């Protein structure tokens, strides 16, 4: 989409008007909702597309033994969690400058969700800037530095992770207005919650 206003900078460079290919070359990677794999290709073929170097692929297999044991299986035959790990695992070998991930835990079993968020934390710690859109609010707080709540496509609150309060989280996530002292409603009246 063409931006209506503002600028997008990656590593100090204005990429607002650049297309997706130039942004990708600048180090911006999109992990779309869903899996981002080629289901008709094997695990090995999917990894080879991202990691032509055999040593890099072997490092992925050492880390994710479940993928290693099934490297000749088509990716479409994997569980949703295995597909998500296949999509994200190469990033540990060649971390992007910025990863934009839309619902990385969508439809995954709780154990796999832990693996996905552990992987995202490793990427963050390796210096990758993360922009995550996620419905699992509790898990995202373990990764995020800054949190923004969206209400019908608009930011209803944005601030540091340390300032996230349980009632604000409930209100943003469930659309419920909390009441009583120190609630999101009080904060909004005091101007602490920015529309």
N, C-alpha and C. Protein backbone atom coordinates (compact mmCIF):
# COMPACT_ATOMS: atom_id res chain seq x y z
N UNK A 1 0.84 -1.19 0.00
CA UNK A 1 0.00 0.00 0.00
C UNK A 1 0.88 1.24 0.00
N UNK A 2 0.46 2.22 -0.73
CA UNK A 2 1.19 3.49 -0.74
C UNK A 2 0.85 4.25 0.54
N UNK A 3 1.86 4.66 1.31
CA UNK A 3 1.57 5.38 2.56
C UNK A 3 0.90 6.72 2.29
N UNK A 4 -0.01 7.10 3.16
CA UNK A 4 -0.68 8.39 3.04
C UNK A 4 0.14 9.50 3.68
N UNK A 5 0.91 9.15 4.72
CA UNK A 5 1.76 10.14 5.39
C UNK A 5 2.83 9.41 6.18
N UNK A 6 3.82 10.16 6.64
CA UNK A 6 4.89 9.61 7.45
C UNK A 6 5.97 8.95 6.62
N UNK A 7 7.00 8.48 7.32
CA UNK A 7 8.11 7.81 6.67
C UNK A 7 8.42 6.51 7.39
N UNK A 8 9.01 5.58 6.64
CA UNK A 8 9.48 4.32 7.19
C UNK A 8 10.98 4.29 6.97
N UNK A 9 11.75 4.15 8.06
CA UNK A 9 13.20 4.10 7.97
C UNK A 9 13.69 2.72 8.38
N UNK A 10 14.65 2.20 7.66
CA UNK A 10 15.33 0.96 8.01
C UNK A 10 16.81 1.28 8.10
N UNK A 11 17.38 1.10 9.28
CA UNK A 11 18.79 1.39 9.52
C UNK A 11 19.15 2.81 9.06
N UNK A 12 18.27 3.75 9.35
CA UNK A 12 18.53 5.15 9.03
C UNK A 12 18.24 5.55 7.60
N UNK A 13 17.79 4.63 6.77
CA UNK A 13 17.52 4.92 5.36
C UNK A 13 16.02 4.96 5.11
N UNK A 14 15.54 5.99 4.44
CA UNK A 14 14.13 6.14 4.12
C UNK A 14 13.74 5.14 3.03
N UNK A 15 12.86 4.18 3.38
CA UNK A 15 12.40 3.18 2.42
C UNK A 15 10.90 3.32 2.15
N UNK A 16 10.34 4.48 2.50
CA UNK A 16 8.91 4.70 2.40
C UNK A 16 8.36 4.42 1.01
N UNK A 17 9.02 4.89 0.00
CA UNK A 17 8.51 4.76 -1.37
C UNK A 17 9.14 3.60 -2.14
N UNK A 18 9.95 2.79 -1.46
CA UNK A 18 10.59 1.67 -2.15
C UNK A 18 9.63 0.48 -2.20
N UNK A 19 9.77 -0.32 -3.22
CA UNK A 19 8.94 -1.50 -3.37
C UNK A 19 9.43 -2.64 -2.50
N UNK A 20 8.69 -3.75 -2.49
CA UNK A 20 9.04 -4.87 -1.62
C UNK A 20 10.41 -5.49 -1.92
N UNK A 21 10.83 -5.52 -3.17
CA UNK A 21 12.13 -6.12 -3.49
C UNK A 21 13.26 -5.30 -2.89
N UNK A 22 13.19 -3.99 -3.04
CA UNK A 22 14.25 -3.13 -2.46
C UNK A 22 14.23 -3.17 -0.94
N UNK A 23 13.02 -3.24 -0.36
CA UNK A 23 12.95 -3.35 1.10
C UNK A 23 13.56 -4.67 1.56
N UNK A 24 13.27 -5.74 0.84
CA UNK A 24 13.84 -7.05 1.20
C UNK A 24 15.36 -7.00 1.10
N UNK A 25 15.87 -6.37 0.08
CA UNK A 25 17.33 -6.24 -0.06
C UNK A 25 17.93 -5.37 1.04
N UNK A 26 17.10 -4.48 1.60
CA UNK A 26 17.56 -3.64 2.72
C UNK A 26 17.51 -4.40 4.05
N UNK A 27 17.00 -5.65 4.03
CA UNK A 27 16.99 -6.46 5.24
C UNK A 27 15.64 -6.61 5.90
N UNK A 28 14.56 -6.20 5.22
CA UNK A 28 13.22 -6.32 5.79
C UNK A 28 12.58 -7.60 5.26
N UNK A 29 12.11 -8.45 6.17
CA UNK A 29 11.50 -9.73 5.80
C UNK A 29 10.10 -9.79 6.37
N UNK A 30 9.16 -10.25 5.56
CA UNK A 30 7.77 -10.43 5.99
C UNK A 30 7.50 -11.91 6.20
N UNK A 31 7.01 -12.25 7.38
CA UNK A 31 6.52 -13.60 7.66
C UNK A 31 5.01 -13.48 7.72
N UNK A 32 4.31 -13.78 6.62
CA UNK A 32 2.87 -13.55 6.57
C UNK A 32 2.09 -14.50 7.47
N UNK A 33 0.83 -14.11 7.73
CA UNK A 33 -0.05 -15.00 8.47
C UNK A 33 -0.13 -16.31 7.70
N UNK A 34 -0.10 -17.40 8.38
CA UNK A 34 -0.01 -18.68 7.72
C UNK A 34 1.43 -19.15 7.82
N UNK A 35 1.88 -19.97 6.92
CA UNK A 35 3.17 -20.61 7.12
C UNK A 35 4.31 -20.07 6.28
N UNK A 36 4.08 -19.54 5.12
CA UNK A 36 5.20 -19.00 4.34
C UNK A 36 6.16 -20.05 3.83
N UNK A 37 5.66 -21.23 3.50
CA UNK A 37 6.50 -22.31 2.97
C UNK A 37 5.92 -22.74 1.63
N UNK A 38 6.66 -23.58 0.92
CA UNK A 38 6.17 -24.19 -0.30
C UNK A 38 5.74 -25.61 0.04
N UNK A 39 4.43 -25.87 0.16
CA UNK A 39 3.96 -27.17 0.65
C UNK A 39 4.32 -28.35 -0.24
N UNK A 40 4.48 -28.14 -1.55
CA UNK A 40 4.79 -29.25 -2.45
C UNK A 40 6.27 -29.62 -2.44
N UNK A 41 7.12 -28.77 -1.86
CA UNK A 41 8.55 -29.06 -1.78
C UNK A 41 8.86 -29.76 -0.47
N UNK A 42 9.96 -30.49 -0.45
CA UNK A 42 10.38 -31.17 0.78
C UNK A 42 10.94 -30.14 1.77
N UNK A 43 11.15 -30.60 2.99
CA UNK A 43 11.79 -29.75 4.00
C UNK A 43 13.15 -29.30 3.48
N UNK A 44 13.92 -30.23 2.95
CA UNK A 44 15.26 -29.91 2.43
C UNK A 44 15.18 -28.87 1.32
N UNK A 45 14.23 -29.02 0.41
CA UNK A 45 14.11 -28.07 -0.70
C UNK A 45 13.69 -26.69 -0.20
N UNK A 46 12.78 -26.65 0.78
CA UNK A 46 12.38 -25.36 1.36
C UNK A 46 13.57 -24.68 2.02
N UNK A 47 14.34 -25.43 2.78
CA UNK A 47 15.50 -24.84 3.45
C UNK A 47 16.55 -24.38 2.44
N UNK A 48 16.72 -25.14 1.36
CA UNK A 48 17.72 -24.80 0.35
C UNK A 48 17.39 -23.46 -0.31
N UNK A 49 16.11 -23.17 -0.46
CA UNK A 49 15.72 -21.87 -1.04
C UNK A 49 16.22 -20.70 -0.18
N UNK A 50 16.20 -20.89 1.13
CA UNK A 50 16.65 -19.83 2.06
C UNK A 50 18.13 -19.93 2.36
N UNK A 51 18.61 -21.15 2.43
CA UNK A 51 19.99 -21.40 2.86
C UNK A 51 20.71 -22.28 1.85
N UNK A 52 21.28 -21.70 0.80
CA UNK A 52 21.98 -22.52 -0.19
C UNK A 52 23.19 -23.25 0.39
N UNK A 53 23.79 -22.70 1.44
CA UNK A 53 24.96 -23.32 2.06
C UNK A 53 24.55 -24.53 2.90
N UNK A 54 25.12 -25.68 2.58
CA UNK A 54 24.78 -26.93 3.27
C UNK A 54 25.06 -26.86 4.77
N UNK A 55 26.13 -26.19 5.16
CA UNK A 55 26.47 -26.08 6.59
C UNK A 55 25.39 -25.31 7.35
N UNK A 56 24.84 -24.30 6.72
CA UNK A 56 23.77 -23.53 7.35
C UNK A 56 22.53 -24.40 7.54
N UNK A 57 22.21 -25.23 6.53
CA UNK A 57 21.07 -26.14 6.66
C UNK A 57 21.32 -27.16 7.76
N UNK A 58 22.53 -27.67 7.83
CA UNK A 58 22.85 -28.65 8.87
C UNK A 58 22.72 -28.03 10.27
N UNK A 59 23.04 -26.76 10.39
CA UNK A 59 22.87 -26.07 11.68
C UNK A 59 21.39 -26.02 12.07
N UNK A 60 20.52 -25.82 11.08
CA UNK A 60 19.08 -25.84 11.35
C UNK A 60 18.67 -27.24 11.81
N UNK A 61 19.14 -28.26 11.13
CA UNK A 61 18.79 -29.63 11.48
C UNK A 61 19.30 -30.01 12.87
N UNK A 62 20.48 -29.51 13.24
CA UNK A 62 21.00 -29.78 14.58
C UNK A 62 20.10 -29.16 15.64
N UNK A 63 19.57 -28.00 15.35
CA UNK A 63 18.71 -27.28 16.29
C UNK A 63 17.31 -27.88 16.34
N UNK A 64 16.78 -28.29 15.19
CA UNK A 64 15.42 -28.80 15.10
C UNK A 64 15.45 -30.24 14.60
N UNK A 65 15.65 -31.16 15.54
CA UNK A 65 15.80 -32.58 15.20
C UNK A 65 14.58 -33.14 14.48
N UNK A 66 13.40 -32.62 14.80
CA UNK A 66 12.18 -33.09 14.14
C UNK A 66 12.20 -32.81 12.65
N UNK A 67 12.77 -31.70 12.25
CA UNK A 67 12.90 -31.39 10.83
C UNK A 67 13.96 -32.27 10.19
N UNK A 68 15.04 -32.51 10.91
CA UNK A 68 16.13 -33.33 10.38
C UNK A 68 15.66 -34.75 10.07
N UNK A 69 14.86 -35.31 10.95
CA UNK A 69 14.39 -36.69 10.79
C UNK A 69 13.45 -36.84 9.60
N UNK A 70 12.88 -35.72 9.15
CA UNK A 70 11.89 -35.78 8.07
C UNK A 70 12.28 -34.93 6.88
N UNK A 71 13.55 -34.71 6.68
CA UNK A 71 14.02 -33.75 5.67
C UNK A 71 13.53 -34.05 4.26
N UNK A 72 13.15 -35.28 3.94
CA UNK A 72 12.68 -35.61 2.59
C UNK A 72 11.16 -35.68 2.49
N UNK A 73 10.47 -35.28 3.55
CA UNK A 73 9.01 -35.24 3.57
C UNK A 73 8.56 -33.90 2.98
N UNK A 74 7.45 -33.91 2.24
CA UNK A 74 6.95 -32.65 1.71
C UNK A 74 6.47 -31.77 2.86
N UNK A 75 6.70 -30.50 2.74
CA UNK A 75 6.38 -29.57 3.81
C UNK A 75 4.88 -29.52 4.10
N UNK A 76 4.06 -29.76 3.07
CA UNK A 76 2.62 -29.76 3.27
C UNK A 76 2.14 -30.89 4.17
N UNK A 77 2.94 -31.93 4.36
CA UNK A 77 2.57 -33.06 5.21
C UNK A 77 2.91 -32.80 6.68
N UNK A 78 3.59 -31.70 6.98
CA UNK A 78 3.97 -31.37 8.35
C UNK A 78 2.78 -30.78 9.11
N UNK A 79 2.84 -30.86 10.42
CA UNK A 79 1.83 -30.18 11.24
C UNK A 79 1.99 -28.67 11.07
N UNK A 80 0.99 -27.92 11.48
CA UNK A 80 1.07 -26.46 11.38
C UNK A 80 2.26 -25.91 12.15
N UNK A 81 2.54 -26.47 13.31
CA UNK A 81 3.68 -26.01 14.10
C UNK A 81 5.00 -26.30 13.44
N UNK A 82 5.11 -27.50 12.86
CA UNK A 82 6.35 -27.84 12.15
C UNK A 82 6.54 -26.95 10.93
N UNK A 83 5.44 -26.62 10.26
CA UNK A 83 5.53 -25.72 9.10
C UNK A 83 6.00 -24.33 9.53
N UNK A 84 5.50 -23.85 10.66
CA UNK A 84 5.92 -22.53 11.15
C UNK A 84 7.39 -22.54 11.54
N UNK A 85 7.84 -23.59 12.19
CA UNK A 85 9.26 -23.69 12.53
C UNK A 85 10.11 -23.76 11.27
N UNK A 86 9.65 -24.48 10.25
CA UNK A 86 10.37 -24.55 8.98
C UNK A 86 10.48 -23.17 8.34
N UNK A 87 9.42 -22.39 8.45
CA UNK A 87 9.43 -21.05 7.86
C UNK A 87 10.37 -20.11 8.61
N UNK A 88 10.46 -20.25 9.94
CA UNK A 88 11.24 -19.31 10.75
C UNK A 88 12.67 -19.77 11.04
N UNK A 89 12.91 -21.08 11.06
CA UNK A 89 14.22 -21.61 11.44
C UNK A 89 15.39 -21.05 10.62
N UNK A 90 15.25 -20.87 9.30
CA UNK A 90 16.39 -20.34 8.55
C UNK A 90 16.82 -18.94 9.00
N UNK A 91 15.91 -18.22 9.62
CA UNK A 91 16.22 -16.85 10.04
C UNK A 91 17.28 -16.81 11.13
N UNK A 92 17.40 -17.91 11.89
CA UNK A 92 18.44 -17.95 12.92
C UNK A 92 19.82 -18.02 12.30
N UNK A 93 19.92 -18.60 11.10
CA UNK A 93 21.21 -18.70 10.42
C UNK A 93 21.56 -17.41 9.70
N UNK A 94 20.57 -16.74 9.15
CA UNK A 94 20.77 -15.48 8.43
C UNK A 94 19.71 -14.49 8.91
N UNK A 95 19.91 -13.91 10.10
CA UNK A 95 18.89 -13.02 10.67
C UNK A 95 18.67 -11.78 9.79
N UNK A 96 17.40 -11.43 9.56
CA UNK A 96 17.11 -10.20 8.82
C UNK A 96 17.35 -8.98 9.71
N UNK A 97 17.43 -7.82 9.09
CA UNK A 97 17.52 -6.59 9.87
C UNK A 97 16.23 -6.31 10.60
N UNK A 98 15.10 -6.57 9.89
CA UNK A 98 13.77 -6.35 10.44
C UNK A 98 12.89 -7.52 10.03
N UNK A 99 12.17 -8.08 10.98
CA UNK A 99 11.19 -9.13 10.69
C UNK A 99 9.81 -8.61 11.05
N UNK A 100 8.93 -8.61 10.06
CA UNK A 100 7.53 -8.27 10.29
C UNK A 100 6.77 -9.59 10.27
N UNK A 101 6.20 -9.97 11.40
CA UNK A 101 5.51 -11.25 11.50
C UNK A 101 4.05 -11.03 11.87
N UNK A 102 3.18 -11.58 11.05
CA UNK A 102 1.74 -11.47 11.26
C UNK A 102 1.23 -12.77 11.86
N UNK A 103 0.81 -12.71 13.12
CA UNK A 103 0.26 -13.86 13.83
C UNK A 103 1.17 -15.09 13.75
N UNK A 104 2.41 -14.99 14.23
CA UNK A 104 3.31 -16.13 14.12
C UNK A 104 2.87 -17.37 14.89
N UNK A 105 1.96 -17.22 15.86
CA UNK A 105 1.52 -18.38 16.63
C UNK A 105 0.14 -18.87 16.22
N UNK A 106 -0.40 -18.35 15.14
CA UNK A 106 -1.76 -18.68 14.72
C UNK A 106 -1.96 -20.19 14.54
N UNK A 107 -2.92 -20.73 15.28
CA UNK A 107 -3.30 -22.12 15.12
C UNK A 107 -2.30 -23.15 15.63
N UNK A 108 -1.34 -22.73 16.45
CA UNK A 108 -0.30 -23.65 16.90
C UNK A 108 -0.60 -24.20 18.29
N UNK A 109 -0.12 -25.42 18.52
CA UNK A 109 -0.24 -26.04 19.85
C UNK A 109 0.62 -25.26 20.84
N UNK A 110 0.24 -25.25 22.13
CA UNK A 110 0.99 -24.47 23.13
C UNK A 110 2.49 -24.75 23.16
N UNK A 111 2.91 -26.00 23.01
CA UNK A 111 4.35 -26.31 23.05
C UNK A 111 5.07 -25.66 21.88
N UNK A 112 4.45 -25.66 20.71
CA UNK A 112 5.06 -25.05 19.53
C UNK A 112 5.06 -23.53 19.66
N UNK A 113 4.01 -22.97 20.28
CA UNK A 113 3.98 -21.53 20.52
C UNK A 113 5.20 -21.12 21.33
N UNK A 114 5.55 -21.91 22.36
CA UNK A 114 6.74 -21.62 23.16
C UNK A 114 7.99 -21.64 22.29
N UNK A 115 8.09 -22.61 21.40
CA UNK A 115 9.25 -22.70 20.50
C UNK A 115 9.33 -21.48 19.59
N UNK A 116 8.18 -21.06 19.05
CA UNK A 116 8.16 -19.92 18.15
C UNK A 116 8.59 -18.65 18.88
N UNK A 117 8.08 -18.43 20.09
CA UNK A 117 8.45 -17.22 20.83
C UNK A 117 9.90 -17.28 21.31
N UNK A 118 10.40 -18.47 21.59
CA UNK A 118 11.82 -18.61 21.94
C UNK A 118 12.68 -18.21 20.74
N UNK A 119 12.27 -18.66 19.56
CA UNK A 119 12.99 -18.33 18.33
C UNK A 119 12.94 -16.81 18.07
N UNK A 120 11.78 -16.20 18.27
CA UNK A 120 11.66 -14.75 18.08
C UNK A 120 12.54 -13.99 19.08
N UNK A 121 12.61 -14.49 20.31
CA UNK A 121 13.46 -13.85 21.31
C UNK A 121 14.92 -13.94 20.91
N UNK A 122 15.33 -15.08 20.37
CA UNK A 122 16.71 -15.23 19.90
C UNK A 122 17.01 -14.26 18.77
N UNK A 123 16.07 -14.09 17.87
CA UNK A 123 16.26 -13.14 16.77
C UNK A 123 16.41 -11.72 17.32
N UNK A 124 15.54 -11.36 18.26
CA UNK A 124 15.63 -10.03 18.88
C UNK A 124 16.99 -9.85 19.54
N UNK A 125 17.43 -10.85 20.27
CA UNK A 125 18.71 -10.76 20.97
C UNK A 125 19.89 -10.70 20.01
N UNK A 126 19.70 -11.23 18.78
CA UNK A 126 20.76 -11.19 17.76
C UNK A 126 20.76 -9.86 17.00
N UNK A 127 19.81 -8.96 17.34
CA UNK A 127 19.81 -7.64 16.73
C UNK A 127 18.73 -7.41 15.69
N UNK A 128 17.88 -8.39 15.45
CA UNK A 128 16.79 -8.20 14.49
C UNK A 128 15.71 -7.35 15.13
N UNK A 129 15.27 -6.32 14.40
CA UNK A 129 14.12 -5.53 14.83
C UNK A 129 12.87 -6.31 14.52
N UNK A 130 11.98 -6.44 15.49
CA UNK A 130 10.76 -7.22 15.31
C UNK A 130 9.54 -6.31 15.33
N UNK A 131 8.66 -6.50 14.37
CA UNK A 131 7.34 -5.88 14.37
C UNK A 131 6.37 -7.04 14.30
N UNK A 132 5.72 -7.32 15.43
CA UNK A 132 4.87 -8.50 15.54
C UNK A 132 3.41 -8.08 15.74
N UNK A 133 2.54 -8.70 14.97
CA UNK A 133 1.11 -8.57 15.17
C UNK A 133 0.68 -9.91 15.74
N UNK A 134 0.15 -9.90 16.96
CA UNK A 134 -0.08 -11.17 17.66
C UNK A 134 -1.29 -11.06 18.57
N UNK A 135 -2.09 -12.12 18.59
CA UNK A 135 -3.24 -12.14 19.47
C UNK A 135 -2.91 -12.72 20.85
N UNK A 136 -1.84 -13.47 20.97
CA UNK A 136 -1.45 -14.06 22.26
C UNK A 136 -0.71 -12.99 23.07
N UNK A 137 -1.48 -12.17 23.74
CA UNK A 137 -0.95 -10.99 24.40
C UNK A 137 0.08 -11.33 25.48
N UNK A 138 -0.16 -12.36 26.27
CA UNK A 138 0.76 -12.69 27.35
C UNK A 138 2.12 -13.09 26.81
N UNK A 139 2.14 -13.92 25.76
CA UNK A 139 3.40 -14.38 25.19
C UNK A 139 4.20 -13.24 24.58
N UNK A 140 3.51 -12.31 23.94
CA UNK A 140 4.19 -11.21 23.25
C UNK A 140 4.91 -10.30 24.25
N UNK A 141 4.41 -10.24 25.48
CA UNK A 141 5.05 -9.38 26.48
C UNK A 141 6.45 -9.88 26.84
N UNK A 142 6.73 -11.15 26.60
CA UNK A 142 8.06 -11.67 26.85
C UNK A 142 9.07 -11.29 25.78
N UNK A 143 8.59 -10.79 24.65
CA UNK A 143 9.45 -10.45 23.52
C UNK A 143 9.51 -8.94 23.28
N UNK A 144 8.40 -8.27 23.49
CA UNK A 144 8.26 -6.86 23.09
C UNK A 144 8.99 -5.90 24.02
N UNK A 145 9.51 -4.82 23.43
CA UNK A 145 10.00 -3.68 24.19
C UNK A 145 8.90 -2.63 24.28
N UNK A 146 8.20 -2.43 23.17
CA UNK A 146 7.10 -1.47 23.08
C UNK A 146 5.86 -2.23 22.64
N UNK A 147 4.73 -1.90 23.25
CA UNK A 147 3.47 -2.57 22.96
C UNK A 147 2.47 -1.53 22.48
N UNK A 148 1.72 -1.89 21.45
CA UNK A 148 0.64 -1.03 20.97
C UNK A 148 -0.63 -1.86 20.89
N UNK A 149 -1.72 -1.32 21.40
CA UNK A 149 -3.01 -1.99 21.30
C UNK A 149 -3.75 -1.37 20.12
N UNK A 150 -4.38 -2.23 19.35
CA UNK A 150 -5.17 -1.76 18.23
C UNK A 150 -6.64 -1.99 18.53
N UNK A 151 -7.45 -1.01 18.19
CA UNK A 151 -8.89 -1.11 18.32
C UNK A 151 -9.49 -0.73 16.98
N UNK A 152 -9.99 -1.71 16.26
CA UNK A 152 -10.56 -1.50 14.92
C UNK A 152 -9.58 -0.78 13.99
N UNK A 153 -8.33 -1.24 14.04
CA UNK A 153 -7.32 -0.71 13.13
C UNK A 153 -6.64 0.57 13.57
N UNK A 154 -6.98 1.07 14.73
CA UNK A 154 -6.35 2.29 15.24
C UNK A 154 -5.64 1.99 16.56
N UNK A 155 -4.51 2.66 16.78
CA UNK A 155 -3.77 2.47 18.01
C UNK A 155 -4.54 3.13 19.15
N UNK A 156 -4.93 2.32 20.16
CA UNK A 156 -5.67 2.86 21.30
C UNK A 156 -4.75 3.12 22.49
N UNK A 157 -3.59 2.48 22.50
CA UNK A 157 -2.58 2.72 23.54
C UNK A 157 -1.25 2.22 23.02
N UNK A 158 -0.18 2.93 23.37
CA UNK A 158 1.16 2.52 22.99
C UNK A 158 2.12 2.95 24.08
N UNK A 159 3.01 2.05 24.47
CA UNK A 159 3.97 2.40 25.49
C UNK A 159 4.94 1.27 25.77
N UNK A 160 5.86 1.50 26.69
CA UNK A 160 6.84 0.46 27.04
C UNK A 160 6.16 -0.74 27.69
N UNK A 161 6.75 -1.90 27.50
CA UNK A 161 6.22 -3.14 28.08
C UNK A 161 6.02 -2.99 29.59
N UNK A 162 6.92 -2.29 30.27
CA UNK A 162 6.83 -2.15 31.73
C UNK A 162 5.57 -1.40 32.16
N UNK A 163 4.97 -0.61 31.26
CA UNK A 163 3.77 0.15 31.61
C UNK A 163 2.48 -0.56 31.26
N UNK A 164 2.58 -1.76 30.71
CA UNK A 164 1.37 -2.52 30.38
C UNK A 164 0.71 -2.96 31.68
N UNK A 165 -0.55 -2.66 31.82
CA UNK A 165 -1.30 -3.04 33.00
C UNK A 165 -2.35 -4.08 32.61
N UNK A 166 -2.63 -4.98 33.52
CA UNK A 166 -3.54 -6.09 33.23
C UNK A 166 -4.89 -5.60 32.74
N UNK A 167 -5.42 -4.54 33.33
CA UNK A 167 -6.74 -4.07 32.91
C UNK A 167 -6.69 -3.47 31.50
N UNK A 168 -5.60 -2.79 31.16
CA UNK A 168 -5.46 -2.27 29.80
C UNK A 168 -5.39 -3.41 28.80
N UNK A 169 -4.66 -4.45 29.18
CA UNK A 169 -4.53 -5.61 28.31
C UNK A 169 -5.89 -6.26 28.11
N UNK A 170 -6.65 -6.43 29.19
CA UNK A 170 -7.98 -7.02 29.10
C UNK A 170 -8.89 -6.16 28.23
N UNK A 171 -8.84 -4.85 28.45
CA UNK A 171 -9.68 -3.96 27.67
C UNK A 171 -9.34 -4.02 26.19
N UNK A 172 -8.06 -3.97 25.88
CA UNK A 172 -7.64 -3.99 24.48
C UNK A 172 -7.93 -5.33 23.83
N UNK A 173 -7.68 -6.41 24.55
CA UNK A 173 -7.81 -7.75 23.98
C UNK A 173 -9.26 -8.18 23.86
N UNK A 174 -10.04 -7.92 24.90
CA UNK A 174 -11.42 -8.38 24.92
C UNK A 174 -12.43 -7.29 24.60
N UNK A 175 -11.96 -6.04 24.52
CA UNK A 175 -12.88 -4.95 24.25
C UNK A 175 -13.74 -4.61 25.45
N UNK A 176 -13.28 -4.96 26.65
CA UNK A 176 -14.04 -4.69 27.86
C UNK A 176 -13.46 -3.49 28.57
N UNK A 177 -14.29 -2.62 29.05
CA UNK A 177 -13.83 -1.48 29.83
C UNK A 177 -13.78 -1.89 31.30
N UNK A 178 -12.61 -1.80 31.88
CA UNK A 178 -12.46 -2.10 33.30
C UNK A 178 -12.92 -0.90 34.10
N UNK A 179 -13.32 -1.11 35.35
CA UNK A 179 -13.74 0.01 36.18
C UNK A 179 -13.04 -0.08 37.52
N UNK A 180 -13.01 1.03 38.23
CA UNK A 180 -12.35 1.07 39.53
C UNK A 180 -11.06 1.87 39.45
N UNK A 181 -10.44 2.16 40.62
CA UNK A 181 -9.24 2.97 40.63
C UNK A 181 -8.08 2.29 39.90
N UNK A 182 -7.34 3.10 39.15
CA UNK A 182 -6.15 2.61 38.46
C UNK A 182 -6.46 1.81 37.21
N UNK A 183 -7.68 1.94 36.70
CA UNK A 183 -8.05 1.16 35.53
C UNK A 183 -7.74 1.91 34.25
N UNK A 184 -7.93 1.25 33.15
CA UNK A 184 -7.69 1.88 31.85
C UNK A 184 -8.62 3.07 31.66
N UNK A 185 -9.85 2.96 32.18
CA UNK A 185 -10.80 4.06 32.06
C UNK A 185 -10.26 5.29 32.79
N UNK A 186 -9.75 5.11 34.02
CA UNK A 186 -9.15 6.23 34.76
C UNK A 186 -7.94 6.79 34.03
N UNK A 187 -7.11 5.91 33.50
CA UNK A 187 -5.91 6.35 32.79
C UNK A 187 -6.29 7.17 31.56
N UNK A 188 -7.33 6.75 30.87
CA UNK A 188 -7.76 7.49 29.69
C UNK A 188 -8.24 8.88 30.09
N UNK A 189 -8.99 8.96 31.20
CA UNK A 189 -9.48 10.26 31.65
C UNK A 189 -8.33 11.17 32.08
N UNK A 190 -7.24 10.57 32.57
CA UNK A 190 -6.08 11.37 32.99
C UNK A 190 -5.16 11.68 31.81
N UNK A 191 -5.49 11.17 30.63
CA UNK A 191 -4.66 11.44 29.46
C UNK A 191 -3.49 10.49 29.29
N UNK A 192 -3.43 9.42 30.11
CA UNK A 192 -2.31 8.49 30.02
C UNK A 192 -2.43 7.56 28.82
N UNK A 193 -3.65 7.33 28.37
CA UNK A 193 -3.86 6.49 27.21
C UNK A 193 -4.07 7.39 26.01
N UNK A 194 -3.16 7.28 25.04
CA UNK A 194 -3.22 8.14 23.87
C UNK A 194 -4.07 7.48 22.80
N UNK A 195 -5.04 8.22 22.21
CA UNK A 195 -5.83 7.65 21.13
C UNK A 195 -5.00 7.50 19.87
